[in-house]
């Protein structure tokens, strides 16, 4: 617990010390990307609008497949427990 607290405090201190340098860089107020225009913002958010449903679809399909595997494992374990003929 002490290590985690010390690591968290160190990380916050480093981030707080680095923040002014990141905010007041040599780019005179521009971000690392450069000048941001309306076209750049529009294209970025069209990409976000497209990517979010695709991500949700992929994650939903993955979850469905994993749930099917889990149910198959549970059924196999139940069948194995029912077929046990050993014992005294």
N, C-alpha and C. Protein backbone atom coordinates (compact mmCIF):
# COMPACT_ATOMS: atom_id res chain seq x y z
N UNK A 1 0.82 -1.19 0.00
CA UNK A 1 0.00 0.00 0.00
C UNK A 1 0.87 1.25 0.00
N UNK A 2 1.97 1.20 0.76
CA UNK A 2 2.85 2.36 0.82
C UNK A 2 3.54 2.61 -0.52
N UNK A 3 3.91 1.51 -1.20
CA UNK A 3 4.54 1.66 -2.51
C UNK A 3 3.59 2.31 -3.51
N UNK A 4 2.35 1.87 -3.49
CA UNK A 4 1.37 2.43 -4.41
C UNK A 4 1.14 3.91 -4.11
N UNK A 5 1.07 4.26 -2.85
CA UNK A 5 0.89 5.65 -2.47
C UNK A 5 2.09 6.48 -2.88
N UNK A 6 3.29 5.95 -2.67
CA UNK A 6 4.51 6.66 -3.05
C UNK A 6 4.60 6.81 -4.57
N UNK A 7 4.26 5.76 -5.29
CA UNK A 7 4.30 5.81 -6.75
C UNK A 7 3.28 6.81 -7.29
N UNK A 8 2.10 6.85 -6.69
CA UNK A 8 1.08 7.80 -7.11
C UNK A 8 1.51 9.23 -6.84
N UNK A 9 2.10 9.46 -5.68
CA UNK A 9 2.58 10.81 -5.35
C UNK A 9 3.70 11.23 -6.29
N UNK A 10 4.60 10.32 -6.61
CA UNK A 10 5.69 10.62 -7.54
C UNK A 10 5.15 10.93 -8.93
N UNK A 11 4.19 10.14 -9.39
CA UNK A 11 3.61 10.37 -10.71
C UNK A 11 2.91 11.72 -10.78
N UNK A 12 2.16 12.07 -9.75
CA UNK A 12 1.49 13.37 -9.72
C UNK A 12 2.48 14.52 -9.68
N UNK A 13 3.56 14.35 -8.95
CA UNK A 13 4.59 15.39 -8.87
C UNK A 13 5.26 15.59 -10.23
N UNK A 14 5.58 14.50 -10.90
CA UNK A 14 6.22 14.59 -12.22
C UNK A 14 5.27 15.24 -13.21
N UNK A 15 4.02 14.84 -13.20
CA UNK A 15 3.05 15.44 -14.12
C UNK A 15 2.84 16.93 -13.83
N UNK A 16 2.78 17.28 -12.56
CA UNK A 16 2.61 18.69 -12.20
C UNK A 16 3.82 19.51 -12.60
N UNK A 17 5.01 18.92 -12.50
CA UNK A 17 6.23 19.65 -12.88
C UNK A 17 6.34 19.79 -14.39
N UNK A 18 5.82 18.81 -15.14
CA UNK A 18 5.93 18.83 -16.60
C UNK A 18 4.81 19.63 -17.26
N UNK A 19 3.74 19.91 -16.55
CA UNK A 19 2.59 20.59 -17.15
C UNK A 19 2.92 21.98 -17.68
N UNK A 20 3.63 22.83 -16.97
CA UNK A 20 3.92 24.17 -17.54
C UNK A 20 4.72 24.10 -18.83
N UNK A 21 5.66 23.17 -18.92
CA UNK A 21 6.46 23.04 -20.14
C UNK A 21 5.59 22.57 -21.30
N UNK A 22 4.64 21.72 -21.03
CA UNK A 22 3.78 21.23 -22.09
C UNK A 22 2.83 22.33 -22.57
N UNK A 23 2.38 23.17 -21.65
CA UNK A 23 1.43 24.21 -22.01
C UNK A 23 2.08 25.43 -22.66
N UNK A 24 3.33 25.68 -22.35
CA UNK A 24 3.99 26.88 -22.85
C UNK A 24 5.14 26.52 -23.77
N UNK A 25 4.88 25.65 -24.72
CA UNK A 25 5.93 25.22 -25.63
C UNK A 25 6.27 26.30 -26.64
N UNK A 26 7.16 25.96 -27.57
CA UNK A 26 7.63 26.90 -28.57
C UNK A 26 6.65 27.04 -29.74
N UNK A 27 5.50 26.44 -29.67
CA UNK A 27 4.57 26.43 -30.80
C UNK A 27 3.62 27.61 -30.77
N UNK A 28 3.83 28.53 -29.90
CA UNK A 28 3.03 29.76 -29.79
C UNK A 28 1.53 29.50 -29.74
N UNK A 29 1.16 28.56 -28.93
CA UNK A 29 -0.26 28.30 -28.73
C UNK A 29 -0.83 27.23 -29.64
N UNK A 30 -0.10 26.83 -30.68
CA UNK A 30 -0.59 25.76 -31.55
C UNK A 30 -0.29 24.42 -30.89
N UNK A 31 -1.13 23.47 -31.18
CA UNK A 31 -0.87 22.14 -30.67
C UNK A 31 0.22 21.46 -31.48
N UNK A 32 0.56 20.26 -31.11
CA UNK A 32 1.59 19.52 -31.82
C UNK A 32 1.15 19.20 -33.25
N UNK A 33 -0.15 19.14 -33.49
CA UNK A 33 -0.68 18.84 -34.82
C UNK A 33 -0.48 20.02 -35.77
N UNK A 34 -0.50 21.19 -35.23
CA UNK A 34 -0.38 22.39 -36.06
C UNK A 34 -1.66 23.20 -35.96
N UNK A 35 -1.91 23.99 -36.97
CA UNK A 35 -3.12 24.82 -36.97
C UNK A 35 -4.36 23.95 -37.12
N UNK A 36 -5.33 24.18 -36.28
CA UNK A 36 -6.57 23.42 -36.32
C UNK A 36 -7.63 24.27 -37.01
N UNK A 37 -8.15 23.76 -38.10
CA UNK A 37 -9.19 24.47 -38.84
C UNK A 37 -10.52 23.75 -38.63
N UNK A 38 -11.57 24.36 -39.14
CA UNK A 38 -12.89 23.73 -39.04
C UNK A 38 -12.92 22.41 -39.80
N UNK A 39 -12.23 22.34 -40.92
CA UNK A 39 -12.21 21.10 -41.70
C UNK A 39 -11.54 19.97 -40.93
N UNK A 40 -10.47 20.28 -40.22
CA UNK A 40 -9.78 19.26 -39.43
C UNK A 40 -10.69 18.75 -38.32
N UNK A 41 -11.36 19.65 -37.63
CA UNK A 41 -12.26 19.26 -36.55
C UNK A 41 -13.42 18.43 -37.10
N UNK A 42 -13.98 18.84 -38.22
CA UNK A 42 -15.09 18.11 -38.82
C UNK A 42 -14.67 16.71 -39.22
N UNK A 43 -13.53 16.57 -39.88
CA UNK A 43 -13.06 15.24 -40.29
C UNK A 43 -12.76 14.37 -39.08
N UNK A 44 -12.18 14.95 -38.05
CA UNK A 44 -11.88 14.19 -36.84
C UNK A 44 -13.15 13.63 -36.22
N UNK A 45 -14.16 14.47 -36.08
CA UNK A 45 -15.37 14.00 -35.42
C UNK A 45 -16.22 13.10 -36.31
N UNK A 46 -16.12 13.23 -37.63
CA UNK A 46 -16.76 12.24 -38.50
C UNK A 46 -16.10 10.88 -38.29
N UNK A 47 -14.78 10.89 -38.13
CA UNK A 47 -14.07 9.64 -37.84
C UNK A 47 -14.52 9.06 -36.51
N UNK A 48 -14.69 9.90 -35.50
CA UNK A 48 -15.14 9.44 -34.19
C UNK A 48 -16.56 8.87 -34.29
N UNK A 49 -17.42 9.57 -35.04
CA UNK A 49 -18.80 9.10 -35.21
C UNK A 49 -18.83 7.75 -35.92
N UNK A 50 -17.93 7.53 -36.85
CA UNK A 50 -17.86 6.26 -37.55
C UNK A 50 -17.23 5.18 -36.67
N UNK A 51 -16.19 5.54 -35.93
CA UNK A 51 -15.43 4.55 -35.18
C UNK A 51 -16.18 4.03 -33.95
N UNK A 52 -16.95 4.85 -33.29
CA UNK A 52 -17.64 4.42 -32.07
C UNK A 52 -18.61 3.26 -32.34
N UNK A 53 -19.50 3.33 -33.32
CA UNK A 53 -20.38 2.18 -33.55
C UNK A 53 -19.62 0.93 -33.99
N UNK A 54 -18.55 1.11 -34.77
CA UNK A 54 -17.76 -0.05 -35.17
C UNK A 54 -17.12 -0.70 -33.95
N UNK A 55 -16.57 0.11 -33.07
CA UNK A 55 -15.97 -0.42 -31.84
C UNK A 55 -17.02 -1.14 -31.00
N UNK A 56 -18.19 -0.55 -30.84
CA UNK A 56 -19.25 -1.18 -30.05
C UNK A 56 -19.70 -2.50 -30.67
N UNK A 57 -19.80 -2.54 -32.00
CA UNK A 57 -20.18 -3.78 -32.68
C UNK A 57 -19.15 -4.87 -32.46
N UNK A 58 -17.88 -4.55 -32.63
CA UNK A 58 -16.83 -5.54 -32.45
C UNK A 58 -16.79 -6.05 -31.02
N UNK A 59 -16.91 -5.16 -30.05
CA UNK A 59 -16.89 -5.57 -28.66
C UNK A 59 -18.12 -6.42 -28.30
N UNK A 60 -19.28 -6.09 -28.87
CA UNK A 60 -20.49 -6.88 -28.61
C UNK A 60 -20.36 -8.28 -29.20
N UNK A 61 -19.81 -8.37 -30.41
CA UNK A 61 -19.61 -9.68 -31.03
C UNK A 61 -18.61 -10.51 -30.23
N UNK A 62 -17.56 -9.88 -29.75
CA UNK A 62 -16.57 -10.57 -28.94
C UNK A 62 -17.19 -11.07 -27.64
N UNK A 63 -17.99 -10.23 -27.00
CA UNK A 63 -18.63 -10.64 -25.76
C UNK A 63 -19.59 -11.80 -26.00
N UNK A 64 -20.34 -11.77 -27.08
CA UNK A 64 -21.27 -12.86 -27.39
C UNK A 64 -20.51 -14.17 -27.60
N UNK A 65 -19.38 -14.10 -28.30
CA UNK A 65 -18.59 -15.31 -28.53
C UNK A 65 -18.03 -15.85 -27.22
N UNK A 66 -17.55 -14.95 -26.36
CA UNK A 66 -17.02 -15.39 -25.08
C UNK A 66 -18.11 -15.97 -24.18
N UNK A 67 -19.29 -15.39 -24.21
CA UNK A 67 -20.42 -15.92 -23.43
C UNK A 67 -20.79 -17.32 -23.92
N UNK A 68 -20.76 -17.53 -25.23
CA UNK A 68 -21.08 -18.84 -25.79
C UNK A 68 -20.04 -19.87 -25.33
N UNK A 69 -18.76 -19.48 -25.33
CA UNK A 69 -17.71 -20.39 -24.86
C UNK A 69 -17.89 -20.70 -23.38
N UNK A 70 -18.27 -19.69 -22.59
CA UNK A 70 -18.47 -19.91 -21.16
C UNK A 70 -19.61 -20.89 -20.91
N UNK A 71 -20.70 -20.71 -21.64
CA UNK A 71 -21.84 -21.62 -21.47
C UNK A 71 -21.47 -23.04 -21.89
N UNK A 72 -20.68 -23.18 -22.96
CA UNK A 72 -20.26 -24.51 -23.39
C UNK A 72 -19.37 -25.16 -22.34
N UNK A 73 -18.48 -24.39 -21.73
CA UNK A 73 -17.62 -24.93 -20.67
C UNK A 73 -18.44 -25.35 -19.46
N UNK A 74 -19.44 -24.55 -19.11
CA UNK A 74 -20.29 -24.89 -17.97
C UNK A 74 -21.08 -26.17 -18.24
N UNK A 75 -21.60 -26.30 -19.47
CA UNK A 75 -22.35 -27.50 -19.82
C UNK A 75 -21.44 -28.73 -19.82
N UNK A 76 -20.21 -28.58 -20.32
CA UNK A 76 -19.29 -29.71 -20.33
C UNK A 76 -18.92 -30.12 -18.91
N UNK A 77 -18.72 -29.16 -18.03
CA UNK A 77 -18.39 -29.47 -16.64
C UNK A 77 -19.57 -30.16 -15.96
N UNK A 78 -20.77 -29.72 -16.27
CA UNK A 78 -21.96 -30.34 -15.67
C UNK A 78 -22.10 -31.77 -16.16
N UNK A 79 -21.89 -31.99 -17.46
CA UNK A 79 -21.98 -33.36 -17.99
C UNK A 79 -20.89 -34.25 -17.41
N UNK A 80 -19.70 -33.72 -17.22
CA UNK A 80 -18.61 -34.51 -16.65
C UNK A 80 -18.93 -34.87 -15.21
N UNK A 81 -19.55 -33.98 -14.49
CA UNK A 81 -19.90 -34.25 -13.09
C UNK A 81 -21.01 -35.30 -13.01
N UNK A 82 -21.93 -35.28 -13.97
CA UNK A 82 -23.03 -36.25 -13.97
C UNK A 82 -22.55 -37.64 -14.37
N UNK A 83 -21.51 -37.72 -15.21
CA UNK A 83 -21.03 -39.03 -15.70
C UNK A 83 -20.07 -39.69 -14.73
N UNK A 84 -19.73 -39.09 -13.65
CA UNK A 84 -18.75 -39.63 -12.73
C UNK A 84 -19.31 -40.90 -12.10
N UNK A 85 -18.61 -42.03 -12.34
CA UNK A 85 -19.06 -43.31 -11.83
C UNK A 85 -18.14 -43.85 -10.74
N UNK A 86 -17.20 -43.08 -10.34
CA UNK A 86 -16.22 -43.55 -9.36
C UNK A 86 -16.78 -43.47 -7.95
N UNK A 87 -15.89 -43.56 -7.01
CA UNK A 87 -16.29 -43.49 -5.62
C UNK A 87 -16.32 -44.84 -4.97
N UNK A 88 -16.84 -44.91 -3.81
CA UNK A 88 -16.87 -46.18 -3.04
C UNK A 88 -18.03 -46.94 -3.47
